[in-house]
N, C-alpha and C. Protein backbone atom coordinates (compact mmCIF):
# COMPACT_ATOMS: atom_id res chain seq x y z
N MET A 1 -20.79 49.59 -45.31
CA MET A 1 -22.12 48.48 -44.71
C MET A 1 -22.71 48.16 -45.77
N SER A 2 -22.69 46.89 -46.30
CA SER A 2 -24.07 46.27 -47.40
C SER A 2 -24.88 46.54 -48.15
N GLY A 3 -25.68 47.42 -48.89
CA GLY A 3 -26.90 47.00 -48.75
C GLY A 3 -27.57 46.29 -49.59
N LEU A 4 -28.91 46.66 -49.64
CA LEU A 4 -30.04 45.20 -50.45
C LEU A 4 -29.20 45.21 -52.22
N GLY A 5 -28.69 46.57 -52.41
CA GLY A 5 -28.52 46.66 -53.99
C GLY A 5 -27.42 45.86 -54.20
N ASP A 6 -26.43 45.98 -52.95
CA ASP A 6 -25.29 45.10 -53.42
C ASP A 6 -25.06 43.80 -53.39
N LEU A 7 -26.31 43.24 -52.73
CA LEU A 7 -26.26 41.58 -52.53
C LEU A 7 -27.41 41.20 -53.95
N ILE A 8 -28.29 41.80 -53.79
CA ILE A 8 -28.56 41.53 -55.07
C ILE A 8 -27.94 41.63 -56.33
N GLY A 9 -27.23 42.53 -56.48
CA GLY A 9 -26.07 42.82 -57.32
C GLY A 9 -24.78 41.35 -57.12
N GLY A 10 -24.61 41.26 -56.22
CA GLY A 10 -23.71 40.30 -56.25
C GLY A 10 -24.40 38.33 -56.96
N LEU A 11 -25.81 38.75 -56.07
CA LEU A 11 -26.82 37.27 -56.77
C LEU A 11 -26.74 37.36 -58.02
N ALA A 12 -27.18 39.00 -58.82
CA ALA A 12 -27.48 38.67 -59.97
C ALA A 12 -26.38 39.02 -61.04
N GLY A 13 -24.87 38.80 -60.63
CA GLY A 13 -23.62 39.09 -61.38
C GLY A 13 -23.72 40.25 -61.59
N GLY A 14 -24.25 41.27 -61.02
CA GLY A 14 -23.73 42.74 -61.58
C GLY A 14 -22.88 43.33 -60.04
N ALA A 15 -22.57 44.90 -60.65
CA ALA A 15 -21.74 45.10 -59.50
C ALA A 15 -23.51 46.81 -59.22
N SER A 16 -23.14 47.49 -57.94
CA SER A 16 -23.87 48.07 -57.11
C SER A 16 -23.43 49.23 -57.31
N GLY A 17 -24.17 49.96 -57.41
CA GLY A 17 -23.87 51.91 -57.90
C GLY A 17 -23.66 52.41 -56.24
N GLY A 18 -24.33 51.40 -55.56
CA GLY A 18 -24.55 52.39 -53.85
C GLY A 18 -24.87 53.37 -53.27
N GLY A 19 -25.75 53.76 -54.26
CA GLY A 19 -26.46 54.95 -54.16
C GLY A 19 -28.25 54.70 -53.57
N GLY A 20 -28.02 54.31 -52.60
CA GLY A 20 -29.48 54.36 -51.80
C GLY A 20 -30.72 53.63 -52.16
N LEU A 21 -31.70 54.18 -51.86
CA LEU A 21 -32.95 53.11 -51.90
C LEU A 21 -32.96 53.02 -53.25
N ASP A 22 -32.86 53.89 -53.86
CA ASP A 22 -33.24 53.97 -55.87
C ASP A 22 -32.18 52.83 -56.36
N ASP A 23 -31.51 52.74 -56.17
CA ASP A 23 -30.26 51.81 -56.42
C ASP A 23 -30.58 50.49 -56.04
N VAL A 24 -31.44 50.24 -54.73
CA VAL A 24 -31.82 49.12 -54.46
C VAL A 24 -32.96 48.61 -55.51
N LEU A 25 -33.88 49.78 -55.83
CA LEU A 25 -35.15 49.09 -56.81
C LEU A 25 -34.62 48.70 -58.03
N GLU A 26 -33.68 49.95 -58.63
CA GLU A 26 -33.18 49.39 -60.08
C GLU A 26 -32.66 47.88 -59.61
N LYS A 27 -32.10 47.70 -58.59
CA LYS A 27 -31.29 46.25 -59.10
C LYS A 27 -32.67 45.51 -58.98
N LEU A 28 -33.22 45.35 -57.79
CA LEU A 28 -34.80 44.72 -57.75
C LEU A 28 -35.62 44.46 -58.61
N THR A 29 -35.57 45.20 -60.07
CA THR A 29 -36.06 44.95 -61.24
C THR A 29 -35.19 44.82 -61.91
N GLY A 30 -34.14 44.98 -62.23
CA GLY A 30 -32.95 43.97 -63.28
C GLY A 30 -32.41 42.56 -62.40
N ALA A 31 -32.69 42.14 -61.46
CA ALA A 31 -32.32 41.15 -61.06
C ALA A 31 -33.10 39.69 -61.45
N GLY A 32 -33.97 40.36 -62.28
CA GLY A 32 -35.25 39.47 -62.81
C GLY A 32 -34.38 38.42 -63.75
N SER A 33 -33.40 38.38 -64.55
CA SER A 33 -32.39 37.93 -65.41
C SER A 33 -31.66 36.83 -64.50
N ALA A 34 -31.68 36.63 -63.47
CA ALA A 34 -30.41 35.81 -62.62
C ALA A 34 -30.99 34.83 -62.95
N PRO A 35 -29.80 34.33 -62.90
CA PRO A 35 -29.83 32.45 -63.47
C PRO A 35 -30.58 31.72 -62.34
N GLY A 36 -31.44 30.65 -62.94
CA GLY A 36 -31.75 29.77 -61.65
C GLY A 36 -33.50 30.68 -60.64
N GLY A 37 -33.88 31.67 -61.54
CA GLY A 37 -34.61 32.42 -61.16
C GLY A 37 -34.94 32.64 -59.98
N LEU A 38 -33.67 33.55 -59.52
CA LEU A 38 -33.45 33.56 -58.20
C LEU A 38 -34.02 34.88 -58.35
N GLY A 39 -33.81 36.11 -59.19
CA GLY A 39 -34.08 37.25 -59.71
C GLY A 39 -35.58 37.52 -59.39
N GLY A 40 -35.81 36.34 -59.85
CA GLY A 40 -37.82 36.98 -59.63
C GLY A 40 -38.46 36.41 -57.83
N MET A 41 -37.78 35.04 -57.50
CA MET A 41 -37.76 35.16 -55.68
C MET A 41 -37.59 35.89 -55.09
N LEU A 42 -36.35 36.85 -55.54
CA LEU A 42 -36.13 38.00 -55.19
C LEU A 42 -37.06 38.88 -54.68
N ALA A 43 -37.47 39.35 -56.02
CA ALA A 43 -38.34 40.05 -56.22
C ALA A 43 -39.65 40.13 -55.46
N GLY A 44 -40.29 38.59 -55.52
CA GLY A 44 -41.45 38.01 -55.00
C GLY A 44 -41.73 38.56 -53.32
N LEU A 45 -39.74 38.85 -52.78
CA LEU A 45 -40.08 38.85 -51.37
C LEU A 45 -39.87 40.55 -51.08
N VAL A 46 -40.20 41.23 -51.73
CA VAL A 46 -39.86 42.58 -51.77
C VAL A 46 -41.42 43.08 -50.85
N PRO A 47 -42.40 42.27 -51.17
CA PRO A 47 -44.17 42.26 -50.66
C PRO A 47 -43.77 41.52 -49.48
N VAL A 48 -43.07 40.72 -49.39
CA VAL A 48 -43.44 39.60 -48.02
C VAL A 48 -42.40 40.46 -47.03
N VAL A 49 -41.15 40.89 -47.62
CA VAL A 49 -40.36 41.35 -46.70
C VAL A 49 -41.11 42.65 -45.62
N SER A 50 -41.64 43.20 -46.90
CA SER A 50 -42.47 45.00 -46.64
C SER A 50 -43.07 44.55 -45.63
N GLY A 51 -44.19 43.37 -46.38
CA GLY A 51 -45.59 43.30 -45.01
C GLY A 51 -45.33 42.50 -43.24
N MET A 52 -43.73 41.83 -43.92
CA MET A 52 -43.53 41.74 -42.50
C MET A 52 -42.88 42.89 -41.25
N LEU A 53 -42.13 44.42 -42.06
CA LEU A 53 -41.59 44.77 -41.70
C LEU A 53 -42.64 46.26 -41.43
N GLU A 54 -43.71 46.35 -41.75
CA GLU A 54 -44.96 47.52 -41.42
C GLU A 54 -44.99 47.74 -40.38
N ASN A 55 -45.79 48.44 -40.18
CA ASN A 55 -47.17 48.93 -38.72
C ASN A 55 -46.32 48.24 -37.71
N GLY A 56 -44.93 48.68 -37.32
CA GLY A 56 -44.86 47.69 -36.36
C GLY A 56 -43.67 46.72 -36.37
N GLY A 57 -43.73 45.68 -37.60
CA GLY A 57 -43.17 44.32 -37.48
C GLY A 57 -41.54 44.78 -37.68
N LEU A 58 -41.45 45.95 -37.74
CA LEU A 58 -39.62 45.85 -37.40
C LEU A 58 -39.26 45.38 -36.29
N GLN A 59 -40.17 46.18 -35.64
CA GLN A 59 -39.61 46.12 -33.72
C GLN A 59 -39.47 44.57 -33.33
N LYS A 60 -41.22 44.01 -33.99
CA LYS A 60 -41.93 42.48 -33.82
C LYS A 60 -40.74 41.61 -34.00
N VAL A 61 -40.33 41.73 -35.03
CA VAL A 61 -38.97 40.60 -36.17
C VAL A 61 -37.61 40.99 -35.15
N LEU A 62 -37.33 42.25 -34.69
CA LEU A 62 -35.93 42.09 -33.98
C LEU A 62 -36.24 41.77 -32.80
N GLY A 63 -37.15 41.53 -32.11
CA GLY A 63 -38.09 41.30 -30.82
C GLY A 63 -37.80 39.96 -30.57
N GLN A 64 -38.58 39.35 -31.78
CA GLN A 64 -38.49 37.40 -32.15
C GLN A 64 -36.91 37.39 -32.19
N LEU A 65 -36.16 37.94 -33.38
CA LEU A 65 -34.83 37.75 -33.23
C LEU A 65 -33.78 37.47 -31.86
N GLU A 66 -34.55 38.64 -30.78
CA GLU A 66 -33.30 39.12 -29.59
C GLU A 66 -33.83 37.73 -28.77
N ALA A 67 -35.03 37.39 -29.10
CA ALA A 67 -35.68 36.41 -27.89
C ALA A 67 -35.81 34.88 -28.52
N SER A 68 -34.47 34.79 -29.88
CA SER A 68 -34.46 33.47 -30.04
C SER A 68 -32.72 33.41 -30.00
N GLY A 69 -32.27 34.09 -29.70
CA GLY A 69 -30.79 34.35 -29.03
C GLY A 69 -30.24 35.10 -30.10
N LEU A 70 -31.02 35.95 -31.22
CA LEU A 70 -29.86 36.29 -32.26
C LEU A 70 -30.14 37.84 -32.36
N GLY A 71 -29.98 38.09 -31.22
CA GLY A 71 -30.06 39.51 -30.97
C GLY A 71 -28.88 40.42 -31.55
N SER A 72 -27.24 39.20 -31.25
CA SER A 72 -25.89 40.06 -32.03
C SER A 72 -26.12 40.11 -33.28
N GLN A 73 -27.13 39.47 -33.88
CA GLN A 73 -27.22 39.70 -35.43
C GLN A 73 -28.05 40.36 -35.63
N ALA A 74 -29.00 40.19 -34.88
CA ALA A 74 -29.85 41.79 -35.69
C ALA A 74 -29.43 43.31 -35.14
N GLU A 75 -28.42 43.46 -34.22
CA GLU A 75 -28.33 44.76 -33.94
C GLU A 75 -26.93 44.90 -35.27
N SER A 76 -26.26 43.88 -35.47
CA SER A 76 -25.18 44.53 -36.70
C SER A 76 -26.13 44.68 -38.01
N TRP A 77 -26.53 44.38 -38.46
CA TRP A 77 -28.01 44.88 -39.08
C TRP A 77 -28.26 46.22 -39.25
N VAL A 78 -28.79 46.65 -38.16
CA VAL A 78 -29.21 47.92 -37.13
C VAL A 78 -27.91 48.68 -37.41
N GLY A 79 -26.72 48.88 -36.75
CA GLY A 79 -25.76 49.35 -37.03
C GLY A 79 -24.81 49.59 -37.65
N PRO A 80 -23.53 50.40 -37.24
CA PRO A 80 -22.59 50.41 -38.69
C PRO A 80 -21.77 49.09 -38.31
N GLY A 81 -21.14 48.59 -39.41
CA GLY A 81 -20.49 48.19 -39.80
C GLY A 81 -21.26 46.15 -40.71
N ALA A 82 -19.95 45.47 -40.95
CA ALA A 82 -20.68 44.57 -41.12
C ALA A 82 -22.12 44.02 -40.71
N ASN A 83 -22.94 42.67 -41.68
CA ASN A 83 -23.93 42.45 -41.24
C ASN A 83 -23.15 40.93 -40.64
N GLU A 84 -23.98 40.65 -39.83
CA GLU A 84 -23.50 39.01 -39.59
C GLU A 84 -24.64 38.74 -40.33
N SER A 85 -24.31 37.31 -40.49
CA SER A 85 -25.68 36.39 -41.17
C SER A 85 -26.06 35.69 -40.29
N ILE A 86 -27.62 35.16 -40.59
CA ILE A 86 -28.14 34.31 -40.47
C ILE A 86 -28.59 33.04 -41.17
N SER A 87 -28.89 31.83 -40.74
CA SER A 87 -28.99 30.78 -41.69
C SER A 87 -30.80 30.47 -41.47
N ALA A 88 -30.81 30.02 -42.36
CA ALA A 88 -32.30 29.39 -43.16
C ALA A 88 -32.61 28.59 -41.79
N ALA A 89 -32.16 28.31 -41.20
CA ALA A 89 -32.63 27.77 -39.61
C ALA A 89 -33.01 28.29 -38.47
N ASP A 90 -32.27 29.86 -38.67
CA ASP A 90 -32.67 30.74 -37.76
C ASP A 90 -34.06 31.54 -38.14
N ILE A 91 -33.97 31.44 -39.47
CA ILE A 91 -35.08 31.97 -40.56
C ILE A 91 -36.54 31.29 -39.75
N GLU A 92 -36.67 29.84 -39.83
CA GLU A 92 -37.49 28.79 -39.14
C GLU A 92 -37.73 29.12 -38.35
N LYS A 93 -37.19 29.21 -37.35
CA LYS A 93 -36.96 29.14 -35.31
C LYS A 93 -37.63 30.81 -35.42
N VAL A 94 -37.56 31.73 -35.81
CA VAL A 94 -37.83 32.69 -35.82
C VAL A 94 -39.66 32.63 -36.35
N LEU A 95 -39.20 32.73 -37.55
CA LEU A 95 -41.10 32.67 -37.53
C LEU A 95 -42.17 31.61 -38.10
N GLY A 96 -41.14 30.64 -37.26
CA GLY A 96 -42.21 29.11 -37.09
C GLY A 96 -42.95 29.12 -38.43
N SER A 97 -42.65 27.49 -38.89
CA SER A 97 -42.84 26.86 -39.70
C SER A 97 -44.35 27.15 -40.19
N VAL A 98 -45.55 27.66 -39.79
CA VAL A 98 -46.83 27.69 -40.06
C VAL A 98 -46.83 29.16 -41.48
N GLN A 99 -45.86 30.20 -40.73
CA GLN A 99 -45.89 31.57 -41.16
C GLN A 99 -44.73 31.32 -42.44
N LEU A 100 -43.57 30.03 -42.30
CA LEU A 100 -42.33 30.33 -43.44
C LEU A 100 -43.13 29.78 -44.53
N SER A 101 -44.26 28.71 -44.07
CA SER A 101 -45.08 27.96 -44.82
C SER A 101 -45.77 28.58 -46.10
N GLY A 102 -46.34 29.74 -45.01
CA GLY A 102 -47.42 30.55 -45.80
C GLY A 102 -46.47 31.22 -47.00
N ILE A 103 -45.17 31.62 -46.82
CA ILE A 103 -44.00 32.85 -47.38
C ILE A 103 -43.63 31.97 -48.51
N ALA A 104 -43.23 30.92 -48.29
CA ALA A 104 -43.82 29.58 -49.17
C ALA A 104 -44.30 29.75 -49.98
N GLN A 105 -45.25 29.45 -49.89
CA GLN A 105 -46.24 29.38 -50.77
C GLN A 105 -46.65 30.62 -51.78
N LYS A 106 -46.43 31.81 -51.06
CA LYS A 106 -46.59 33.01 -51.70
C LYS A 106 -45.57 33.10 -52.64
N LEU A 107 -44.39 32.28 -52.75
CA LEU A 107 -43.45 32.61 -53.36
C LEU A 107 -43.24 31.64 -54.60
N GLY A 108 -44.18 30.54 -54.34
CA GLY A 108 -44.51 29.12 -55.07
C GLY A 108 -42.68 28.19 -54.81
N VAL A 109 -42.20 28.09 -53.52
CA VAL A 109 -40.99 27.53 -53.53
C VAL A 109 -41.31 26.85 -52.06
N SER A 110 -40.31 25.63 -51.96
CA SER A 110 -40.25 25.23 -50.60
C SER A 110 -40.01 26.36 -49.58
N PRO A 111 -40.62 25.33 -48.36
CA PRO A 111 -40.54 26.60 -47.12
C PRO A 111 -38.70 26.58 -46.76
N ASP A 112 -37.35 25.76 -47.03
CA ASP A 112 -36.57 25.51 -47.15
C ASP A 112 -35.72 26.62 -48.07
N GLU A 113 -36.42 26.53 -49.51
CA GLU A 113 -35.59 28.15 -50.16
C GLU A 113 -36.60 28.99 -49.70
N ALA A 114 -37.82 28.76 -49.29
CA ALA A 114 -37.59 30.74 -48.87
C ALA A 114 -37.07 30.88 -47.56
N ALA A 115 -36.94 29.84 -46.80
CA ALA A 115 -35.92 30.20 -45.46
C ALA A 115 -35.03 30.77 -46.02
N GLY A 116 -34.28 30.20 -47.19
CA GLY A 116 -32.81 30.51 -47.72
C GLY A 116 -32.92 31.80 -48.24
N ALA A 117 -33.50 32.42 -48.84
CA ALA A 117 -33.90 33.78 -49.26
C ALA A 117 -34.33 34.45 -48.35
N LEU A 118 -35.13 34.38 -47.50
CA LEU A 118 -35.02 35.20 -46.35
C LEU A 118 -34.22 35.44 -45.72
N ALA A 119 -32.84 34.39 -45.16
CA ALA A 119 -32.06 34.61 -44.32
C ALA A 119 -30.58 35.55 -45.38
N LYS A 120 -31.24 35.91 -46.73
CA LYS A 120 -30.10 36.09 -47.48
C LYS A 120 -30.59 37.97 -47.37
N VAL A 121 -32.11 37.99 -47.18
CA VAL A 121 -32.31 39.19 -48.03
C VAL A 121 -32.44 40.31 -46.68
N LEU A 122 -33.18 39.59 -45.51
CA LEU A 122 -33.86 40.00 -44.79
C LEU A 122 -32.85 41.31 -43.71
N PRO A 123 -31.41 40.49 -43.72
CA PRO A 123 -30.59 41.68 -42.93
C PRO A 123 -29.74 42.67 -44.01
N ALA A 124 -30.37 42.46 -45.50
CA ALA A 124 -29.63 43.75 -46.02
C ALA A 124 -31.08 44.58 -46.43
N VAL A 125 -32.13 44.24 -46.03
CA VAL A 125 -33.12 45.40 -45.69
C VAL A 125 -33.34 46.11 -44.83
N VAL A 126 -32.97 45.44 -43.31
CA VAL A 126 -33.11 45.77 -42.54
C VAL A 126 -31.75 46.86 -42.38
N ASP A 127 -30.79 46.63 -42.67
CA ASP A 127 -29.24 47.08 -42.86
C ASP A 127 -30.20 48.37 -43.99
N THR A 128 -30.41 48.36 -45.07
CA THR A 128 -30.90 49.67 -45.58
C THR A 128 -32.39 50.75 -45.45
N VAL A 129 -33.00 49.91 -44.14
CA VAL A 129 -33.80 50.89 -43.98
C VAL A 129 -33.56 51.58 -42.63
N SER A 130 -32.15 51.62 -42.14
CA SER A 130 -31.71 51.76 -41.02
C SER A 130 -30.15 52.44 -41.63
N PRO A 131 -30.31 53.25 -42.09
CA PRO A 131 -28.64 53.48 -42.92
C PRO A 131 -27.86 54.25 -42.64
N GLN A 132 -28.80 54.92 -41.19
CA GLN A 132 -27.65 56.09 -40.43
C GLN A 132 -27.35 55.44 -39.20
N GLY A 133 -27.44 53.52 -38.54
CA GLY A 133 -27.26 53.02 -37.09
C GLY A 133 -27.83 53.42 -36.73
N ALA A 134 -29.68 53.77 -37.40
CA ALA A 134 -31.14 53.92 -35.68
C ALA A 134 -32.02 53.55 -36.69
N LEU A 135 -32.35 53.18 -36.24
CA LEU A 135 -34.24 52.83 -36.84
C LEU A 135 -35.03 53.81 -36.97
N PRO A 136 -35.50 53.85 -38.32
CA PRO A 136 -36.53 54.98 -38.77
C PRO A 136 -37.87 55.03 -37.75
N THR A 137 -37.89 56.10 -37.68
CA THR A 137 -39.53 55.96 -37.31
C THR A 137 -40.57 55.39 -38.25
N GLN A 138 -41.73 54.79 -37.69
CA GLN A 138 -42.60 54.33 -37.67
C GLN A 138 -43.18 54.56 -39.61
N ASP A 139 -43.20 55.80 -39.55
CA ASP A 139 -43.56 57.05 -40.48
C ASP A 139 -42.58 56.71 -41.64
N GLU A 140 -41.75 57.25 -41.18
CA GLU A 140 -40.23 56.71 -42.06
C GLU A 140 -40.35 55.64 -42.72
N LEU A 141 -39.84 54.49 -42.02
CA LEU A 141 -40.08 53.04 -42.23
C LEU A 141 -41.25 52.83 -43.47
N ASP A 142 -42.27 53.19 -43.18
CA ASP A 142 -43.50 52.55 -44.30
C ASP A 142 -43.73 53.27 -45.20
N ALA A 143 -42.83 54.78 -45.26
CA ALA A 143 -42.63 55.59 -46.19
C ALA A 143 -41.68 54.55 -47.82
N SER A 144 -40.93 54.12 -46.66
CA SER A 144 -39.28 53.19 -47.92
C SER A 144 -40.11 52.24 -48.50
N LEU A 145 -40.80 51.35 -47.46
CA LEU A 145 -41.73 50.40 -47.94
C LEU A 145 -42.56 50.00 -48.96
N ALA A 146 -42.90 51.10 -48.67
CA ALA A 146 -44.28 51.55 -49.50
C ALA A 146 -43.16 51.49 -50.87
N LYS A 147 -42.46 52.58 -51.02
CA LYS A 147 -41.89 53.18 -52.14
C LYS A 147 -40.66 51.92 -52.94
N LEU A 148 -40.43 50.80 -51.84
CA LEU A 148 -39.72 49.62 -52.53
C LEU A 148 -40.53 49.22 -53.18
N ALA A 149 -41.95 48.00 -52.28
CA ALA A 149 -42.89 47.61 -52.81
C ALA A 149 -43.17 47.87 -54.09
N ASP A 150 -43.49 49.45 -54.54
CA ASP A 150 -43.61 49.97 -55.75
C ASP A 150 -42.97 49.84 -56.62
N GLY A 151 -41.99 49.71 -56.62
CA GLY A 151 -40.88 49.57 -57.06
C GLY A 151 -40.39 51.45 -57.97
N PRO A 152 -39.01 51.22 -58.28
CA PRO A 152 -38.33 52.55 -59.15
C PRO A 152 -39.53 53.39 -59.79
N SER A 153 -38.83 54.56 -59.49
CA SER A 153 -39.53 55.29 -60.23
C SER A 153 -38.90 55.82 -61.79
N THR A 154 -39.56 56.32 -62.85
CA THR A 154 -39.49 56.36 -63.89
C THR A 154 -39.06 57.66 -63.93
N ALA A 155 -38.51 59.12 -63.27
CA ALA A 155 -38.20 60.42 -62.87
C ALA A 155 -37.00 60.33 -63.51
């Protein structure tokens, strides 16, 4: 199963250690050197995606994907095996133009760029928070997202 660390490592031209959330955090921190400022956008997406998924948001996002005919993609992110891709147009369909514009404004990019980045990151984040092929409890998810948003520990 491909994790967020693998995704970011690939986008930044690096290799992933594949060691779980701590490696994901290290990749996010190191991704700032990616060409074209991609690392900065990916790092900016962390609080955006965390905000989308916390406090019951994961179930809401998965429900929106299902309602938009993208249930098989969402299931692939949670379950074992390869993650099915989602397009920027799919992200806009699920989130709507108002929410997507707000995200783009937070990131300082166009809505199309924000949708493209979310299309790459959202599957990997959902995959990362469901490593055993099952959705975490809300408390487990909120703790993982808080850790992800806080950045890597110095221990």
